[in-house]
């Protein structure tokens, strides 16, 4: 898991807390924990069969509404088998330090999360 500070949304005065929260987040959760939390929050069971290939993320303060608590933008790339013959899955979501997944629907088909499953051409 590679998580960096999102410099677009983090001021210099906030950077140290975000850095500490990244360290704690990585100590608390494994890549599998992140995938399971996402799948459980959305009831997306087929992705549980996918093996995690890569997890990346960005951390940033949540803003005034969230008392500037650190939030994460996580992207998981998973494959159905190691050779990618059966396809792969790209999951993206936002969560907080307690691994609460933001499942809000924004309207017009947009949401605070996505799960795209790519299958090979036949």
PDB file of N, CA and C in Angstrom:
ATOM      1  N   UNK A   1       0.848  -1.167   0.000  1.00  0.00           N
ATOM      2  CA  UNK A   1       0.000   0.000   0.000  1.00  0.00           C
ATOM      3  C   UNK A   1       0.897   1.236   0.000  1.00  0.00           C
ATOM      4  N   UNK A   2       0.652   2.107  -0.959  1.00  0.00           N
ATOM      5  CA  UNK A   2       1.411   3.352  -1.048  1.00  0.00           C
ATOM      6  C   UNK A   2       0.427   4.517  -0.948  1.00  0.00           C
ATOM      7  N   UNK A   3       0.546   5.279   0.138  1.00  0.00           N
ATOM      8  CA  UNK A   3      -0.331   6.433   0.347  1.00  0.00           C
ATOM      9  C   UNK A   3       0.545   7.670   0.501  1.00  0.00           C
ATOM     10  N   UNK A   4       0.194   8.717  -0.235  1.00  0.00           N
ATOM     11  CA  UNK A   4       0.936   9.970  -0.174  1.00  0.00           C
ATOM     12  C   UNK A   4       0.002  11.101   0.258  1.00  0.00           C
ATOM     13  N   UNK A   5       0.590  12.203   0.639  1.00  0.00           N
ATOM     14  CA  UNK A   5      -0.182  13.394   1.001  1.00  0.00           C
ATOM     15  C   UNK A   5      -0.654  14.074  -0.280  1.00  0.00           C
ATOM     16  N   UNK A   6      -1.927  14.394  -0.343  1.00  0.00           N
ATOM     17  CA  UNK A   6      -2.463  15.126  -1.487  1.00  0.00           C
ATOM     18  C   UNK A   6      -2.147  16.602  -1.275  1.00  0.00           C
ATOM     19  N   UNK A   7      -1.146  17.081  -1.967  1.00  0.00           N
ATOM     20  CA  UNK A   7      -0.656  18.446  -1.770  1.00  0.00           C
ATOM     21  C   UNK A   7      -1.633  19.506  -2.281  1.00  0.00           C
ATOM     22  N   UNK A   8      -2.576  19.100  -3.112  1.00  0.00           N
ATOM     23  CA  UNK A   8      -3.562  20.062  -3.609  1.00  0.00           C
ATOM     24  C   UNK A   8      -4.551  20.480  -2.522  1.00  0.00           C
ATOM     25  N   UNK A   9      -4.774  19.625  -1.540  1.00  0.00           N
ATOM     26  CA  UNK A   9      -5.784  19.887  -0.513  1.00  0.00           C
ATOM     27  C   UNK A   9      -5.202  19.991   0.896  1.00  0.00           C
ATOM     28  N   UNK A  10      -3.884  19.953   1.020  1.00  0.00           N
ATOM     29  CA  UNK A  10      -3.245  19.959   2.330  1.00  0.00           C
ATOM     30  C   UNK A  10      -2.308  21.157   2.447  1.00  0.00           C
ATOM     31  N   UNK A  11      -2.513  21.964   3.486  1.00  0.00           N
ATOM     32  CA  UNK A  11      -1.622  23.103   3.718  1.00  0.00           C
ATOM     33  C   UNK A  11      -0.402  22.630   4.502  1.00  0.00           C
ATOM     34  N   UNK A  12       0.598  23.463   4.560  1.00  0.00           N
ATOM     35  CA  UNK A  12       1.829  23.113   5.280  1.00  0.00           C
ATOM     36  C   UNK A  12       1.524  22.849   6.750  1.00  0.00           C
ATOM     37  N   UNK A  13       0.626  23.630   7.341  1.00  0.00           N
ATOM     38  CA  UNK A  13       0.301  23.453   8.761  1.00  0.00           C
ATOM     39  C   UNK A  13      -0.455  22.143   9.026  1.00  0.00           C
ATOM     40  N   UNK A  14      -1.110  21.585   8.005  1.00  0.00           N
ATOM     41  CA  UNK A  14      -1.864  20.344   8.160  1.00  0.00           C
ATOM     42  C   UNK A  14      -1.029  19.101   7.819  1.00  0.00           C
ATOM     43  N   UNK A  15       0.078  19.298   7.142  1.00  0.00           N
ATOM     44  CA  UNK A  15       0.853  18.183   6.592  1.00  0.00           C
ATOM     45  C   UNK A  15       1.350  17.201   7.653  1.00  0.00           C
ATOM     46  N   UNK A  16       1.805  17.671   8.788  1.00  0.00           N
ATOM     47  CA  UNK A  16       2.354  16.772   9.811  1.00  0.00           C
ATOM     48  C   UNK A  16       1.288  15.829  10.366  1.00  0.00           C
ATOM     49  N   UNK A  17       0.083  16.347  10.626  1.00  0.00           N
ATOM     50  CA  UNK A  17      -0.994  15.486  11.119  1.00  0.00           C
ATOM     51  C   UNK A  17      -1.388  14.457  10.066  1.00  0.00           C
ATOM     52  N   UNK A  18      -1.484  14.888   8.813  1.00  0.00           N
ATOM     53  CA  UNK A  18      -1.844  13.957   7.736  1.00  0.00           C
ATOM     54  C   UNK A  18      -0.778  12.873   7.615  1.00  0.00           C
ATOM     55  N   UNK A  19       0.485  13.249   7.723  1.00  0.00           N
ATOM     56  CA  UNK A  19       1.588  12.283   7.643  1.00  0.00           C
ATOM     57  C   UNK A  19       1.491  11.256   8.775  1.00  0.00           C
ATOM     58  N   UNK A  20       1.204  11.715   9.981  1.00  0.00           N
ATOM     59  CA  UNK A  20       1.047  10.802  11.120  1.00  0.00           C
ATOM     60  C   UNK A  20      -0.154   9.877  10.922  1.00  0.00           C
ATOM     61  N   UNK A  21      -1.245  10.421  10.390  1.00  0.00           N
ATOM     62  CA  UNK A  21      -2.443   9.616  10.153  1.00  0.00           C
ATOM     63  C   UNK A  21      -2.212   8.563   9.066  1.00  0.00           C
ATOM     64  N   UNK A  22      -1.409   8.888   8.065  1.00  0.00           N
ATOM     65  CA  UNK A  22      -1.070   7.898   7.037  1.00  0.00           C
ATOM     66  C   UNK A  22      -0.344   6.724   7.675  1.00  0.00           C
ATOM     67  N   UNK A  23       0.607   7.031   8.531  1.00  0.00           N
ATOM     68  CA  UNK A  23       1.381   5.984   9.205  1.00  0.00           C
ATOM     69  C   UNK A  23       0.461   5.098  10.052  1.00  0.00           C
ATOM     70  N   UNK A  24      -0.454   5.716  10.800  1.00  0.00           N
ATOM     71  CA  UNK A  24      -1.378   4.947  11.639  1.00  0.00           C
ATOM     72  C   UNK A  24      -2.338   4.120  10.778  1.00  0.00           C
ATOM     73  N   UNK A  25      -2.844   4.699   9.693  1.00  0.00           N
ATOM     74  CA  UNK A  25      -3.770   4.003   8.789  1.00  0.00           C
ATOM     75  C   UNK A  25      -3.110   2.749   8.219  1.00  0.00           C
ATOM     76  N   UNK A  26      -1.864   2.881   7.784  1.00  0.00           N
ATOM     77  CA  UNK A  26      -1.139   1.743   7.211  1.00  0.00           C
ATOM     78  C   UNK A  26      -0.832   0.677   8.266  1.00  0.00           C
ATOM     79  N   UNK A  27      -0.675   1.091   9.516  1.00  0.00           N
ATOM     80  CA  UNK A  27      -0.446   0.125  10.594  1.00  0.00           C
ATOM     81  C   UNK A  27      -1.734  -0.610  10.971  1.00  0.00           C
ATOM     82  N   UNK A  28      -2.857   0.062  10.864  1.00  0.00           N
ATOM     83  CA  UNK A  28      -4.158  -0.514  11.231  1.00  0.00           C
ATOM     84  C   UNK A  28      -4.704  -1.498  10.205  1.00  0.00           C
ATOM     85  N   UNK A  29      -4.559  -1.161   8.928  1.00  0.00           N
ATOM     86  CA  UNK A  29      -5.271  -1.892   7.882  1.00  0.00           C
ATOM     87  C   UNK A  29      -4.327  -2.503   6.857  1.00  0.00           C
ATOM     88  N   UNK A  30      -4.715  -3.663   6.359  1.00  0.00           N
ATOM     89  CA  UNK A  30      -3.989  -4.308   5.269  1.00  0.00           C
ATOM     90  C   UNK A  30      -4.706  -4.001   3.958  1.00  0.00           C
ATOM     91  N   UNK A  31      -4.075  -4.366   2.861  1.00  0.00           N
ATOM     92  CA  UNK A  31      -4.723  -4.201   1.554  1.00  0.00           C
ATOM     93  C   UNK A  31      -6.041  -4.969   1.523  1.00  0.00           C
ATOM     94  N   UNK A  32      -6.032  -6.171   2.089  1.00  0.00           N
ATOM     95  CA  UNK A  32      -7.243  -6.995   2.130  1.00  0.00           C
ATOM     96  C   UNK A  32      -8.357  -6.357   2.945  1.00  0.00           C
ATOM     97  N   UNK A  33      -7.999  -5.687   4.037  1.00  0.00           N
ATOM     98  CA  UNK A  33      -9.001  -4.984   4.851  1.00  0.00           C
ATOM     99  C   UNK A  33      -9.705  -3.909   4.030  1.00  0.00           C
ATOM    100  N   UNK A  34      -8.930  -3.177   3.232  1.00  0.00           N
ATOM    101  CA  UNK A  34      -9.504  -2.110   2.407  1.00  0.00           C
ATOM    102  C   UNK A  34     -10.463  -2.692   1.377  1.00  0.00           C
ATOM    103  N   UNK A  35     -10.053  -3.764   0.713  1.00  0.00           N
ATOM    104  CA  UNK A  35     -10.910  -4.378  -0.306  1.00  0.00           C
ATOM    105  C   UNK A  35     -12.188  -4.935   0.320  1.00  0.00           C
ATOM    106  N   UNK A  36     -12.057  -5.622   1.465  1.00  0.00           N
ATOM    107  CA  UNK A  36     -13.234  -6.188   2.137  1.00  0.00           C
ATOM    108  C   UNK A  36     -14.196  -5.094   2.589  1.00  0.00           C
ATOM    109  N   UNK A  37     -13.668  -4.013   3.134  1.00  0.00           N
ATOM    110  CA  UNK A  37     -14.525  -2.919   3.596  1.00  0.00           C
ATOM    111  C   UNK A  37     -15.306  -2.318   2.425  1.00  0.00           C
ATOM    112  N   UNK A  38     -14.640  -2.147   1.297  1.00  0.00           N
ATOM    113  CA  UNK A  38     -15.307  -1.612   0.108  1.00  0.00           C
ATOM    114  C   UNK A  38     -16.388  -2.567  -0.380  1.00  0.00           C
ATOM    115  N   UNK A  39     -16.052  -3.837  -0.504  1.00  0.00           N
ATOM    116  CA  UNK A  39     -17.012  -4.838  -0.985  1.00  0.00           C
ATOM    117  C   UNK A  39     -18.203  -4.960  -0.030  1.00  0.00           C
ATOM    118  N   UNK A  40     -17.938  -4.958   1.270  1.00  0.00           N
ATOM    119  CA  UNK A  40     -19.018  -5.060   2.257  1.00  0.00           C
ATOM    120  C   UNK A  40     -19.923  -3.832   2.237  1.00  0.00           C
ATOM    121  N   UNK A  41     -19.335  -2.641   2.122  1.00  0.00           N
ATOM    122  CA  UNK A  41     -20.125  -1.412   2.133  1.00  0.00           C
ATOM    123  C   UNK A  41     -21.074  -1.334   0.938  1.00  0.00           C
ATOM    124  N   UNK A  42     -20.653  -1.896  -0.188  1.00  0.00           N
ATOM    125  CA  UNK A  42     -21.457  -1.789  -1.404  1.00  0.00           C
ATOM    126  C   UNK A  42     -22.153  -3.090  -1.784  1.00  0.00           C
ATOM    127  N   UNK A  43     -21.872  -4.168  -1.079  1.00  0.00           N
ATOM    128  CA  UNK A  43     -22.466  -5.454  -1.412  1.00  0.00           C
ATOM    129  C   UNK A  43     -22.008  -5.983  -2.761  1.00  0.00           C
ATOM    130  N   UNK A  44     -20.764  -5.676  -3.121  1.00  0.00           N
ATOM    131  CA  UNK A  44     -20.198  -6.130  -4.395  1.00  0.00           C
ATOM    132  C   UNK A  44     -19.417  -7.407  -4.134  1.00  0.00           C
ATOM    133  N   UNK A  45     -20.067  -8.529  -4.234  1.00  0.00           N
ATOM    134  CA  UNK A  45     -19.417  -9.797  -3.872  1.00  0.00           C
ATOM    135  C   UNK A  45     -18.497 -10.368  -4.939  1.00  0.00           C
ATOM    136  N   UNK A  46     -18.743 -10.177  -6.235  1.00  0.00           N
ATOM    137  CA  UNK A  46     -17.833 -10.792  -7.216  1.00  0.00           C
ATOM    138  C   UNK A  46     -16.386 -10.346  -7.066  1.00  0.00           C
ATOM    139  N   UNK A  47     -16.152  -9.127  -6.590  1.00  0.00           N
ATOM    140  CA  UNK A  47     -14.776  -8.640  -6.485  1.00  0.00           C
ATOM    141  C   UNK A  47     -14.012  -9.338  -5.375  1.00  0.00           C
ATOM    142  N   UNK A  48     -14.697 -10.056  -4.485  1.00  0.00           N
ATOM    143  CA  UNK A  48     -13.985 -10.774  -3.434  1.00  0.00           C
ATOM    144  C   UNK A  48     -13.106 -11.879  -3.997  1.00  0.00           C
ATOM    145  N   UNK A  49     -13.418 -12.362  -5.208  1.00  0.00           N
ATOM    146  CA  UNK A  49     -12.606 -13.414  -5.807  1.00  0.00           C
ATOM    147  C   UNK A  49     -11.342 -12.852  -6.460  1.00  0.00           C
ATOM    148  N   UNK A  50     -11.248 -11.552  -6.583  1.00  0.00           N
ATOM    149  CA  UNK A  50     -10.092 -10.929  -7.212  1.00  0.00           C
ATOM    150  C   UNK A  50      -8.935 -10.804  -6.219  1.00  0.00           C
ATOM    151  N   UNK A  51      -7.716 -11.059  -6.685  1.00  0.00           N
ATOM    152  CA  UNK A  51      -6.512 -10.904  -5.872  1.00  0.00           C
ATOM    153  C   UNK A  51      -5.950  -9.508  -6.069  1.00  0.00           C
ATOM    154  N   UNK A  52      -5.530  -8.878  -4.990  1.00  0.00           N
ATOM    155  CA  UNK A  52      -5.039  -7.504  -5.043  1.00  0.00           C
ATOM    156  C   UNK A  52      -3.674  -7.462  -5.710  1.00  0.00           C
ATOM    157  N   UNK A  53      -3.557  -6.586  -6.686  1.00  0.00           N
ATOM    158  CA  UNK A  53      -2.298  -6.383  -7.388  1.00  0.00           C
ATOM    159  C   UNK A  53      -1.587  -5.141  -6.858  1.00  0.00           C
ATOM    160  N   UNK A  54      -2.370  -4.060  -6.594  1.00  0.00           N
ATOM    161  CA  UNK A  54      -1.776  -2.806  -6.172  1.00  0.00           C
ATOM    162  C   UNK A  54      -2.814  -1.954  -5.432  1.00  0.00           C
ATOM    163  N   UNK A  55      -2.357  -1.263  -4.387  1.00  0.00           N
ATOM    164  CA  UNK A  55      -3.203  -0.308  -3.667  1.00  0.00           C
ATOM    165  C   UNK A  55      -2.435   1.008  -3.566  1.00  0.00           C
ATOM    166  N   UNK A  56      -3.060   2.073  -4.039  1.00  0.00           N
ATOM    167  CA  UNK A  56      -2.463   3.401  -3.922  1.00  0.00           C
ATOM    168  C   UNK A  56      -3.504   4.341  -3.333  1.00  0.00           C
ATOM    169  N   UNK A  57      -3.037   5.442  -2.791  1.00  0.00           N
ATOM    170  CA  UNK A  57      -3.980   6.388  -2.227  1.00  0.00           C
ATOM    171  C   UNK A  57      -3.368   7.743  -1.959  1.00  0.00           C
ATOM    172  N   UNK A  58      -4.253   8.680  -1.678  1.00  0.00           N
ATOM    173  CA  UNK A  58      -3.841  10.022  -1.280  1.00  0.00           C
ATOM    174  C   UNK A  58      -4.605  10.374  -0.017  1.00  0.00           C
ATOM    175  N   UNK A  59      -3.926  11.072   0.883  1.00  0.00           N
ATOM    176  CA  UNK A  59      -4.537  11.499   2.144  1.00  0.00           C
ATOM    177  C   UNK A  59      -4.632  13.016   2.171  1.00  0.00           C
ATOM    178  N   UNK A  60      -5.693  13.510   2.800  1.00  0.00           N
ATOM    179  CA  UNK A  60      -5.928  14.947   2.849  1.00  0.00           C
ATOM    180  C   UNK A  60      -6.844  15.262   4.025  1.00  0.00           C
ATOM    181  N   UNK A  61      -6.812  16.496   4.549  1.00  0.00           N
ATOM    182  CA  UNK A  61      -7.744  16.885   5.600  1.00  0.00           C
ATOM    183  C   UNK A  61      -9.158  16.935   5.031  1.00  0.00           C
ATOM    184  N   UNK A  62     -10.127  16.488   5.809  1.00  0.00           N
ATOM    185  CA  UNK A  62     -11.501  16.391   5.323  1.00  0.00           C
ATOM    186  C   UNK A  62     -12.240  17.703   5.201  1.00  0.00           C
ATOM    187  N   UNK A  63     -11.670  18.781   5.685  1.00  0.00           N
ATOM    188  CA  UNK A  63     -12.331  20.082   5.584  1.00  0.00           C
ATOM    189  C   UNK A  63     -13.141  20.424   6.817  1.00  0.00           C
ATOM    190  N   UNK A  64     -13.717  21.606   6.813  1.00  0.00           N
ATOM    191  CA  UNK A  64     -14.457  22.137   7.959  1.00  0.00           C
ATOM    192  C   UNK A  64     -15.583  21.214   8.399  1.00  0.00           C
ATOM    193  N   UNK A  65     -16.343  20.694   7.452  1.00  0.00           N
ATOM    194  CA  UNK A  65     -17.494  19.840   7.769  1.00  0.00           C
ATOM    195  C   UNK A  65     -17.066  18.586   8.530  1.00  0.00           C
ATOM    196  N   UNK A  66     -15.857  18.100   8.285  1.00  0.00           N
ATOM    197  CA  UNK A  66     -15.340  16.887   8.932  1.00  0.00           C
ATOM    198  C   UNK A  66     -14.276  17.202   9.981  1.00  0.00           C
ATOM    199  N   UNK A  67     -14.256  18.438  10.482  1.00  0.00           N
ATOM    200  CA  UNK A  67     -13.295  18.870  11.504  1.00  0.00           C
ATOM    201  C   UNK A  67     -11.846  18.647  11.076  1.00  0.00           C
ATOM    202  N   UNK A  68     -11.600  18.729   9.790  1.00  0.00           N
ATOM    203  CA  UNK A  68     -10.259  18.540   9.211  1.00  0.00           C
ATOM    204  C   UNK A  68      -9.630  17.195   9.543  1.00  0.00           C
ATOM    205  N   UNK A  69     -10.459  16.208   9.901  1.00  0.00           N
ATOM    206  CA  UNK A  69      -9.929  14.857  10.115  1.00  0.00           C
ATOM    207  C   UNK A  69      -9.454  14.299   8.778  1.00  0.00           C
ATOM    208  N   UNK A  70      -8.412  13.503   8.827  1.00  0.00           N
ATOM    209  CA  UNK A  70      -7.807  12.976   7.610  1.00  0.00           C
ATOM    210  C   UNK A  70      -8.729  11.987   6.909  1.00  0.00           C
ATOM    211  N   UNK A  71      -8.837  12.150   5.607  1.00  0.00           N
ATOM    212  CA  UNK A  71      -9.594  11.249   4.739  1.00  0.00           C
ATOM    213  C   UNK A  71      -8.655  10.713   3.667  1.00  0.00           C
ATOM    214  N   UNK A  72      -9.080   9.646   3.031  1.00  0.00           N
ATOM    215  CA  UNK A  72      -8.238   8.973   2.052  1.00  0.00           C
ATOM    216  C   UNK A  72      -9.001   8.727   0.764  1.00  0.00           C
ATOM    217  N   UNK A  73      -8.322   8.899  -0.343  1.00  0.00           N
ATOM    218  CA  UNK A  73      -8.813   8.511  -1.657  1.00  0.00           C
ATOM    219  C   UNK A  73      -8.014   7.270  -2.037  1.00  0.00           C
ATOM    220  N   UNK A  74      -8.685   6.124  -2.108  1.00  0.00           N
ATOM    221  CA  UNK A  74      -8.005   4.839  -2.295  1.00  0.00           C
ATOM    222  C   UNK A  74      -8.351   4.257  -3.661  1.00  0.00           C
ATOM    223  N   UNK A  75      -7.346   3.693  -4.322  1.00  0.00           N
ATOM    224  CA  UNK A  75      -7.565   2.971  -5.575  1.00  0.00           C
ATOM    225  C   UNK A  75      -6.936   1.587  -5.446  1.00  0.00           C
ATOM    226  N   UNK A  76      -7.736   0.570  -5.752  1.00  0.00           N
ATOM    227  CA  UNK A  76      -7.280  -0.812  -5.686  1.00  0.00           C
ATOM    228  C   UNK A  76      -7.374  -1.415  -7.083  1.00  0.00           C
ATOM    229  N   UNK A  77      -6.292  -2.009  -7.522  1.00  0.00           N
ATOM    230  CA  UNK A  77      -6.284  -2.768  -8.774  1.00  0.00           C
ATOM    231  C   UNK A  77      -6.167  -4.230  -8.379  1.00  0.00           C
ATOM    232  N   UNK A  78      -7.111  -5.033  -8.841  1.00  0.00           N
ATOM    233  CA  UNK A  78      -7.134  -6.454  -8.496  1.00  0.00           C
ATOM    234  C   UNK A  78      -7.321  -7.270  -9.775  1.00  0.00           C
ATOM    235  N   UNK A  79      -6.781  -8.483  -9.765  1.00  0.00           N
ATOM    236  CA  UNK A  79      -6.888  -9.358 -10.934  1.00  0.00           C
ATOM    237  C   UNK A  79      -7.611 -10.635 -10.550  1.00  0.00           C
ATOM    238  N   UNK A  80      -8.305 -11.207 -11.529  1.00  0.00           N
ATOM    239  CA  UNK A  80      -9.039 -12.445 -11.288  1.00  0.00           C
ATOM    240  C   UNK A  80      -8.093 -13.636 -11.193  1.00  0.00           C
ATOM    241  N   UNK A  81      -6.995 -13.573 -11.910  1.00  0.00           N
ATOM    242  CA  UNK A  81      -5.909 -14.539 -11.758  1.00  0.00           C
ATOM    243  C   UNK A  81      -4.621 -13.795 -12.071  1.00  0.00           C
ATOM    244  N   UNK A  82      -3.509 -14.305 -11.646  1.00  0.00           N
ATOM    245  CA  UNK A  82      -2.249 -13.587 -11.732  1.00  0.00           C
ATOM    246  C   UNK A  82      -1.833 -13.275 -13.173  1.00  0.00           C
ATOM    247  N   UNK A  83      -2.308 -14.039 -14.143  1.00  0.00           N
ATOM    248  CA  UNK A  83      -1.944 -13.788 -15.541  1.00  0.00           C
ATOM    249  C   UNK A  83      -2.859 -12.762 -16.210  1.00  0.00           C
ATOM    250  N   UNK A  84      -3.880 -12.292 -15.501  1.00  0.00           N
ATOM    251  CA  UNK A  84      -4.862 -11.307 -16.003  1.00  0.00           C
ATOM    252  C   UNK A  84      -5.693 -11.848 -17.160  1.00  0.00           C
ATOM    253  N   UNK A  85      -5.630 -13.133 -17.432  1.00  0.00           N
ATOM    254  CA  UNK A  85      -6.381 -13.714 -18.543  1.00  0.00           C
ATOM    255  C   UNK A  85      -7.877 -13.551 -18.319  1.00  0.00           C
ATOM    256  N   UNK A  86      -8.323 -13.662 -17.070  1.00  0.00           N
ATOM    257  CA  UNK A  86      -9.746 -13.615 -16.771  1.00  0.00           C
ATOM    258  C   UNK A  86     -10.248 -12.204 -16.468  1.00  0.00           C
ATOM    259  N   UNK A  87      -9.368 -11.220 -16.496  1.00  0.00           N
ATOM    260  CA  UNK A  87      -9.785  -9.849 -16.297  1.00  0.00           C
ATOM    261  C   UNK A  87      -9.259  -9.226 -15.023  1.00  0.00           C
ATOM    262  N   UNK A  88      -9.552  -7.937 -14.868  1.00  0.00           N
ATOM    263  CA  UNK A  88      -9.137  -7.243 -13.659  1.00  0.00           C
ATOM    264  C   UNK A  88     -10.206  -6.244 -13.235  1.00  0.00           C
ATOM    265  N   UNK A  89     -10.040  -5.727 -12.029  1.00  0.00           N
ATOM    266  CA  UNK A  89     -11.024  -4.842 -11.428  1.00  0.00           C
ATOM    267  C   UNK A  89     -10.307  -3.606 -10.884  1.00  0.00           C
ATOM    268  N   UNK A  90     -10.912  -2.447 -11.088  1.00  0.00           N
ATOM    269  CA  UNK A  90     -10.380  -1.189 -10.557  1.00  0.00           C
ATOM    270  C   UNK A  90     -11.431  -0.596  -9.625  1.00  0.00           C
ATOM    271  N   UNK A  91     -11.079  -0.496  -8.345  1.00  0.00           N
ATOM    272  CA  UNK A  91     -11.982   0.056  -7.333  1.00  0.00           C
ATOM    273  C   UNK A  91     -11.436   1.398  -6.862  1.00  0.00           C
ATOM    274  N   UNK A  92     -12.291   2.376  -6.717  1.00  0.00           N
ATOM    275  CA  UNK A  92     -11.892   3.669  -6.179  1.00  0.00           C
ATOM    276  C   UNK A  92     -12.946   4.116  -5.171  1.00  0.00           C
ATOM    277  N   UNK A  93     -12.473   4.602  -4.020  1.00  0.00           N
ATOM    278  CA  UNK A  93     -13.405   5.066  -2.992  1.00  0.00           C
ATOM    279  C   UNK A  93     -12.712   6.030  -2.043  1.00  0.00           C
ATOM    280  N   UNK A  94     -13.532   6.711  -1.263  1.00  0.00           N
ATOM    281  CA  UNK A  94     -13.056   7.615  -0.219  1.00  0.00           C
ATOM    282  C   UNK A  94     -13.431   7.012   1.127  1.00  0.00           C
ATOM    283  N   UNK A  95     -12.531   7.174   2.104  1.00  0.00           N
ATOM    284  CA  UNK A  95     -12.823   6.668   3.454  1.00  0.00           C
ATOM    285  C   UNK A  95     -12.126   7.550   4.476  1.00  0.00           C
ATOM    286  N   UNK A  96     -12.477   7.314   5.745  1.00  0.00           N
ATOM    287  CA  UNK A  96     -11.842   8.055   6.822  1.00  0.00           C
ATOM    288  C   UNK A  96     -10.922   7.119   7.607  1.00  0.00           C
ATOM    289  N   UNK A  97     -10.401   7.596   8.712  1.00  0.00           N
ATOM    290  CA  UNK A  97      -9.467   6.807   9.530  1.00  0.00           C
ATOM    291  C   UNK A  97     -10.109   5.544  10.100  1.00  0.00           C
ATOM    292  N   UNK A  98     -11.423   5.552  10.266  1.00  0.00           N
ATOM    293  CA  UNK A  98     -12.124   4.396  10.822  1.00  0.00           C
ATOM    294  C   UNK A  98     -12.597   3.440   9.737  1.00  0.00           C
ATOM    295  N   UNK A  99     -12.181   3.678   8.514  1.00  0.00           N
ATOM    296  CA  UNK A  99     -12.511   2.860   7.347  1.00  0.00           C
ATOM    297  C   UNK A  99     -14.000   2.893   7.020  1.00  0.00           C
ATOM    298  N   UNK A 100     -14.629   4.034   7.265  1.00  0.00           N
ATOM    299  CA  UNK A 100     -16.006   4.248   6.843  1.00  0.00           C
ATOM    300  C   UNK A 100     -15.977   4.671   5.383  1.00  0.00           C
ATOM    301  N   UNK A 101     -16.567   3.855   4.526  1.00  0.00           N
ATOM    302  CA  UNK A 101     -16.562   4.107   3.086  1.00  0.00           C
ATOM    303  C   UNK A 101     -17.673   5.093   2.736  1.00  0.00           C
ATOM    304  N   UNK A 102     -17.345   6.106   1.944  1.00  0.00           N
ATOM    305  CA  UNK A 102     -18.326   7.094   1.511  1.00  0.00           C
ATOM    306  C   UNK A 102     -19.110   6.508   0.334  1.00  0.00           C
ATOM    307  N   UNK A 103     -20.364   6.133   0.573  1.00  0.00           N
ATOM    308  CA  UNK A 103     -21.187   5.485  -0.447  1.00  0.00           C
ATOM    309  C   UNK A 103     -22.273   6.417  -0.995  1.00  0.00           C
ATOM    310  N   UNK A 104     -22.064   7.708  -0.865  1.00  0.00           N
ATOM    311  CA  UNK A 104     -23.079   8.657  -1.341  1.00  0.00           C
ATOM    312  C   UNK A 104     -23.210   8.618  -2.864  1.00  0.00           C
ATOM    313  N   UNK A 105     -24.462   8.692  -3.291  1.00  0.00           N
ATOM    314  CA  UNK A 105     -24.785   8.840  -4.712  1.00  0.00           C
ATOM    315  C   UNK A 105     -24.975  10.333  -4.954  1.00  0.00           C
ATOM    316  N   UNK A 106     -24.355  10.877  -5.975  1.00  0.00           N
ATOM    317  CA  UNK A 106     -24.402  12.311  -6.218  1.00  0.00           C
ATOM    318  C   UNK A 106     -25.434  12.715  -7.254  1.00  0.00           C
ATOM    319  N   UNK A 107     -26.068  11.763  -7.878  1.00  0.00           N
ATOM    320  CA  UNK A 107     -27.030  12.065  -8.930  1.00  0.00           C
ATOM    321  C   UNK A 107     -26.375  12.005 -10.303  1.00  0.00           C
ATOM    322  N   UNK A 108     -27.195  11.919 -11.323  1.00  0.00           N
ATOM    323  CA  UNK A 108     -26.719  11.835 -12.709  1.00  0.00           C
ATOM    324  C   UNK A 108     -25.749  10.673 -12.906  1.00  0.00           C
ATOM    325  N   UNK A 109     -25.895   9.614 -12.098  1.00  0.00           N
ATOM    326  CA  UNK A 109     -25.041   8.444 -12.241  1.00  0.00           C
ATOM    327  C   UNK A 109     -23.682   8.565 -11.586  1.00  0.00           C
ATOM    328  N   UNK A 110     -23.400   9.699 -10.952  1.00  0.00           N
ATOM    329  CA  UNK A 110     -22.117   9.892 -10.274  1.00  0.00           C
ATOM    330  C   UNK A 110     -22.220   9.434  -8.826  1.00  0.00           C
ATOM    331  N   UNK A 111     -21.099   8.968  -8.300  1.00  0.00           N
ATOM    332  CA  UNK A 111     -21.048   8.512  -6.913  1.00  0.00           C
ATOM    333  C   UNK A 111     -19.657   8.791  -6.357  1.00  0.00           C
ATOM    334  N   UNK A 112     -19.531   8.663  -5.067  1.00  0.00           N
ATOM    335  CA  UNK A 112     -18.244   8.868  -4.397  1.00  0.00           C
ATOM    336  C   UNK A 112     -17.373   7.611  -4.444  1.00  0.00           C
ATOM    337  N   UNK A 113     -17.740   6.659  -5.245  1.00  0.00           N
ATOM    338  CA  UNK A 113     -16.990   5.412  -5.384  1.00  0.00           C
ATOM    339  C   UNK A 113     -17.188   4.886  -6.799  1.00  0.00           C
ATOM    340  N   UNK A 114     -16.348   3.965  -7.198  1.00  0.00           N
ATOM    341  CA  UNK A 114     -16.542   3.284  -8.477  1.00  0.00           C
ATOM    342  C   UNK A 114     -15.910   1.900  -8.412  1.00  0.00           C
ATOM    343  N   UNK A 115     -16.459   1.005  -9.202  1.00  0.00           N
ATOM    344  CA  UNK A 115     -15.920  -0.342  -9.324  1.00  0.00           C
ATOM    345  C   UNK A 115     -16.107  -0.755 -10.782  1.00  0.00           C
ATOM    346  N   UNK A 116     -15.008  -0.834 -11.485  1.00  0.00           N
ATOM    347  CA  UNK A 116     -15.048  -1.174 -12.902  1.00  0.00           C
ATOM    348  C   UNK A 116     -14.375  -2.525 -13.096  1.00  0.00           C
ATOM    349  N   UNK A 117     -15.085  -3.453 -13.696  1.00  0.00           N
ATOM    350  CA  UNK A 117     -14.538  -4.773 -13.965  1.00  0.00           C
ATOM    351  C   UNK A 117     -14.282  -4.877 -15.468  1.00  0.00           C
ATOM    352  N   UNK A 118     -13.048  -5.166 -15.805  1.00  0.00           N
ATOM    353  CA  UNK A 118     -12.636  -5.267 -17.202  1.00  0.00           C
ATOM    354  C   UNK A 118     -12.417  -6.739 -17.535  1.00  0.00           C
ATOM    355  N   UNK A 119     -13.074  -7.193 -18.571  1.00  0.00           N
ATOM    356  CA  UNK A 119     -12.927  -8.576 -19.011  1.00  0.00           C
ATOM    357  C   UNK A 119     -12.227  -8.574 -20.367  1.00  0.00           C
ATOM    358  N   UNK A 120     -11.444  -9.596 -20.640  1.00  0.00           N
ATOM    359  CA  UNK A 120     -10.755  -9.648 -21.930  1.00  0.00           C
ATOM    360  C   UNK A 120     -11.730  -9.846 -23.081  1.00  0.00           C
ATOM    361  N   UNK A 121     -11.345  -9.377 -24.230  1.00  0.00           N
ATOM    362  CA  UNK A 121     -12.173  -9.569 -25.421  1.00  0.00           C
ATOM    363  C   UNK A 121     -12.195 -11.036 -25.794  1.00  0.00           C
ATOM    364  N   UNK A 122     -13.304 -11.434 -26.332  1.00  0.00           N
ATOM    365  CA  UNK A 122     -13.438 -12.852 -26.731  1.00  0.00           C
ATOM    366  C   UNK A 122     -13.337 -13.002 -28.214  1.00  0.00           C
TER     367      UNK A 122
END
